[in-house]
Amino acid sequence: MTEIDAKIDALVPAWLTLPDIAEMLGVEVTRVRQLVKEGQLIAVRRGENRALHVPAAFIDGDKVVKGLSGTLTLLRDDGFTVEEMLEWLFTPDPTLPGTPAQALSENRGTEVKRRAQALAV
């Protein structure tokens, strides 16, 4: 897992720990760790105790935000690091409008994926 710098930490408005996510999703913490390992979520080490945290924007009630996993796969295939993925997802894009993470949470994943695919060109 990656430890992030202050710039990216400041871009992400809210974070959740793995136990918090497990409770929200109604699963064991080991299942959340598996989602991270499979690349369906991004977790980074942050804070004093360097615990794993996931951006809160990636969780919608009791499920992972629709379209997130596919977007993360596209960015990873484009060669993005975890830090670069977080920066891209949480940097405002006036043409969306908002951030790609906001667009995903608003069920506008098709446009976000289209932009992620264009990054490879």
C-alpha atoms as a PDB file:
ATOM      1  CA  MET A   1       0.000   0.000   0.000  1.00  0.00           C
ATOM      2  CA  THR A   2       1.096   3.524  -0.687  1.00  0.00           C
ATOM      3  CA  GLU A   3       1.620   6.378   1.727  1.00  0.00           C
ATOM      4  CA  ILE A   4       0.418   9.581   0.126  1.00  0.00           C
ATOM      5  CA  ASP A   5       1.787  13.087   0.187  1.00  0.00           C
ATOM      6  CA  ALA A   6       0.038  16.136   1.632  1.00  0.00           C
ATOM      7  CA  LYS A   7      -1.018  17.467  -1.796  1.00  0.00           C
ATOM      8  CA  ILE A   8      -3.083  14.403  -2.633  1.00  0.00           C
ATOM      9  CA  ASP A   9      -4.314  14.036   0.933  1.00  0.00           C
ATOM     10  CA  ALA A  10      -5.701  17.578   0.650  1.00  0.00           C
ATOM     11  CA  LEU A  11      -7.492  16.803  -2.652  1.00  0.00           C
ATOM     12  CA  VAL A  12      -9.572  14.018  -1.113  1.00  0.00           C
ATOM     13  CA  PRO A  13     -12.309  15.584   1.052  1.00  0.00           C
ATOM     14  CA  ALA A  14     -12.970  12.584   3.339  1.00  0.00           C
ATOM     15  CA  TRP A  15     -11.441   9.218   4.136  1.00  0.00           C
ATOM     16  CA  LEU A  16     -12.719   5.958   5.612  1.00  0.00           C
ATOM     17  CA  THR A  17     -10.801   3.206   7.369  1.00  0.00           C
ATOM     18  CA  LEU A  18     -11.183  -0.404   6.234  1.00  0.00           C
ATOM     19  CA  PRO A  19     -13.247  -1.339   9.337  1.00  0.00           C
ATOM     20  CA  ASP A  20     -15.589   1.604   8.609  1.00  0.00           C
ATOM     21  CA  ILE A  21     -16.075   0.385   5.039  1.00  0.00           C
ATOM     22  CA  ALA A  22     -16.621  -3.196   6.185  1.00  0.00           C
ATOM     23  CA  GLU A  23     -19.395  -1.999   8.484  1.00  0.00           C
ATOM     24  CA  MET A  24     -21.007   0.093   5.728  1.00  0.00           C
ATOM     25  CA  LEU A  25     -20.894  -2.769   3.229  1.00  0.00           C
ATOM     26  CA  GLY A  26     -21.962  -5.370   5.795  1.00  0.00           C
ATOM     27  CA  VAL A  27     -18.891  -7.541   5.202  1.00  0.00           C
ATOM     28  CA  GLU A  28     -15.775  -8.608   7.102  1.00  0.00           C
ATOM     29  CA  VAL A  29     -12.649  -6.427   6.986  1.00  0.00           C
ATOM     30  CA  THR A  30     -10.893  -9.255   5.146  1.00  0.00           C
ATOM     31  CA  ARG A  31     -13.366  -8.819   2.268  1.00  0.00           C
ATOM     32  CA  VAL A  32     -12.538  -5.091   2.067  1.00  0.00           C
ATOM     33  CA  ARG A  33      -8.826  -5.977   2.014  1.00  0.00           C
ATOM     34  CA  GLN A  34      -9.600  -8.366  -0.860  1.00  0.00           C
ATOM     35  CA  LEU A  35     -11.368  -5.564  -2.778  1.00  0.00           C
ATOM     36  CA  VAL A  36      -8.212  -3.466  -2.381  1.00  0.00           C
ATOM     37  CA  LYS A  37      -5.995  -6.359  -3.444  1.00  0.00           C
ATOM     38  CA  GLU A  38      -8.185  -6.994  -6.517  1.00  0.00           C
ATOM     39  CA  GLY A  39      -7.945  -3.312  -7.486  1.00  0.00           C
ATOM     40  CA  GLN A  40     -11.638  -2.551  -6.989  1.00  0.00           C
ATOM     41  CA  LEU A  41     -10.711   0.027  -4.327  1.00  0.00           C
ATOM     42  CA  ILE A  42      -7.624   2.131  -3.658  1.00  0.00           C
ATOM     43  CA  ALA A  43      -6.257   2.200  -0.118  1.00  0.00           C
ATOM     44  CA  VAL A  44      -3.375   4.336   1.107  1.00  0.00           C
ATOM     45  CA  ARG A  45      -1.567   4.673   4.397  1.00  0.00           C
ATOM     46  CA  ARG A  46      -2.158   7.983   6.129  1.00  0.00           C
ATOM     47  CA  GLY A  47      -2.434   9.570   9.538  1.00  0.00           C
ATOM     48  CA  GLU A  48      -0.379   9.126  12.664  1.00  0.00           C
ATOM     49  CA  ASN A  49      -0.787   5.364  12.863  1.00  0.00           C
ATOM     50  CA  ARG A  50      -0.437   4.914   9.071  1.00  0.00           C
ATOM     51  CA  ALA A  51      -3.694   2.970   8.919  1.00  0.00           C
ATOM     52  CA  LEU A  52      -5.150   2.086   5.535  1.00  0.00           C
ATOM     53  CA  HIS A  53      -7.743   4.578   4.307  1.00  0.00           C
ATOM     54  CA  VAL A  54     -10.013   4.678   1.255  1.00  0.00           C
ATOM     55  CA  PRO A  55     -11.585   7.871  -0.112  1.00  0.00           C
ATOM     56  CA  ALA A  56     -15.132   8.123   1.267  1.00  0.00           C
ATOM     57  CA  ALA A  57     -16.335   9.104  -2.225  1.00  0.00           C
ATOM     58  CA  PHE A  58     -15.700   5.515  -3.344  1.00  0.00           C
ATOM     59  CA  ILE A  59     -18.501   4.158  -1.131  1.00  0.00           C
ATOM     60  CA  ASP A  60     -22.167   4.815  -1.862  1.00  0.00           C
ATOM     61  CA  GLY A  61     -24.243   3.706   1.107  1.00  0.00           C
ATOM     62  CA  ASP A  62     -23.811  -0.048   1.252  1.00  0.00           C
ATOM     63  CA  LYS A  63     -21.876  -0.583  -1.989  1.00  0.00           C
ATOM     64  CA  VAL A  64     -18.819   0.514  -3.938  1.00  0.00           C
ATOM     65  CA  VAL A  65     -19.608   3.365  -6.348  1.00  0.00           C
ATOM     66  CA  LYS A  66     -20.770   2.036  -9.703  1.00  0.00           C
ATOM     67  CA  GLY A  67     -18.095   2.300 -12.387  1.00  0.00           C
ATOM     68  CA  LEU A  68     -15.188   2.799  -9.980  1.00  0.00           C
ATOM     69  CA  SER A  69     -13.615  -0.605 -10.513  1.00  0.00           C
ATOM     70  CA  GLY A  70     -13.599  -0.266 -14.303  1.00  0.00           C
ATOM     71  CA  THR A  71     -12.195   3.250 -14.104  1.00  0.00           C
ATOM     72  CA  LEU A  72      -9.405   2.129 -11.770  1.00  0.00           C
ATOM     73  CA  THR A  73      -8.573  -0.711 -14.173  1.00  0.00           C
ATOM     74  CA  LEU A  74      -8.350   1.711 -17.119  1.00  0.00           C
ATOM     75  CA  LEU A  75      -6.097   4.083 -15.183  1.00  0.00           C
ATOM     76  CA  ARG A  76      -3.894   1.212 -13.992  1.00  0.00           C
ATOM     77  CA  ASP A  77      -3.637  -0.080 -17.573  1.00  0.00           C
ATOM     78  CA  ASP A  78      -2.608   3.455 -18.617  1.00  0.00           C
ATOM     79  CA  GLY A  79       0.324   3.141 -16.205  1.00  0.00           C
ATOM     80  CA  PHE A  80      -1.020   5.387 -13.452  1.00  0.00           C
ATOM     81  CA  THR A  81       0.334   4.964  -9.937  1.00  0.00           C
ATOM     82  CA  VAL A  82      -2.055   5.026  -6.966  1.00  0.00           C
ATOM     83  CA  GLU A  83      -1.110   8.662  -6.326  1.00  0.00           C
ATOM     84  CA  GLU A  84      -1.719   9.614  -9.952  1.00  0.00           C
ATOM     85  CA  MET A  85      -5.097   7.845  -9.933  1.00  0.00           C
ATOM     86  CA  LEU A  86      -6.177   9.722  -6.814  1.00  0.00           C
ATOM     87  CA  GLU A  87      -4.955  13.018  -8.233  1.00  0.00           C
ATOM     88  CA  TRP A  88      -6.845  12.450 -11.494  1.00  0.00           C
ATOM     89  CA  LEU A  89     -10.028  11.307  -9.754  1.00  0.00           C
ATOM     90  CA  PHE A  90     -10.125  14.228  -7.306  1.00  0.00           C
ATOM     91  CA  THR A  91      -8.878  17.128  -9.445  1.00  0.00           C
ATOM     92  CA  PRO A  92     -11.734  19.336 -10.664  1.00  0.00           C
ATOM     93  CA  ASP A  93     -12.435  19.126 -14.383  1.00  0.00           C
ATOM     94  CA  PRO A  94     -14.546  22.063 -15.609  1.00  0.00           C
ATOM     95  CA  THR A  95     -15.693  20.083 -18.648  1.00  0.00           C
ATOM     96  CA  LEU A  96     -17.384  17.389 -16.514  1.00  0.00           C
ATOM     97  CA  PRO A  97     -18.168  19.577 -14.320  1.00  0.00           C
ATOM     98  CA  GLY A  98     -16.701  18.609 -10.953  1.00  0.00           C
ATOM     99  CA  THR A  99     -14.211  15.865 -10.350  1.00  0.00           C
ATOM    100  CA  PRO A 100     -14.212  12.426 -11.975  1.00  0.00           C
ATOM    101  CA  ALA A 101     -14.939  10.961  -8.511  1.00  0.00           C
ATOM    102  CA  GLN A 102     -18.045  13.179  -8.219  1.00  0.00           C
ATOM    103  CA  ALA A 103     -19.158  12.188 -11.706  1.00  0.00           C
ATOM    104  CA  LEU A 104     -18.865   8.502 -10.802  1.00  0.00           C
ATOM    105  CA  SER A 105     -20.955   9.009  -7.677  1.00  0.00           C
ATOM    106  CA  GLU A 106     -23.573  10.821  -9.802  1.00  0.00           C
ATOM    107  CA  ASN A 107     -23.805   7.819 -12.164  1.00  0.00           C
ATOM    108  CA  ARG A 108     -21.916   9.563 -14.979  1.00  0.00           C
ATOM    109  CA  GLY A 109     -19.357   6.788 -15.231  1.00  0.00           C
ATOM    110  CA  THR A 110     -19.487   6.437 -19.014  1.00  0.00           C
ATOM    111  CA  GLU A 111     -18.024   9.911 -19.502  1.00  0.00           C
ATOM    112  CA  VAL A 112     -15.382   9.308 -16.824  1.00  0.00           C
ATOM    113  CA  LYS A 113     -14.326   6.032 -18.469  1.00  0.00           C
ATOM    114  CA  ARG A 114     -14.218   7.727 -21.875  1.00  0.00           C
ATOM    115  CA  ARG A 115     -11.821  10.318 -20.479  1.00  0.00           C
ATOM    116  CA  ALA A 116      -9.715   7.651 -18.768  1.00  0.00           C
ATOM    117  CA  GLN A 117      -9.435   5.744 -22.072  1.00  0.00           C
ATOM    118  CA  ALA A 118      -8.382   8.941 -23.862  1.00  0.00           C
ATOM    119  CA  LEU A 119      -5.453   9.314 -21.460  1.00  0.00           C
ATOM    120  CA  ALA A 120      -3.834   6.264 -23.039  1.00  0.00           C
ATOM    121  CA  VAL A 121      -3.726   7.850 -26.481  1.00  0.00           C
END
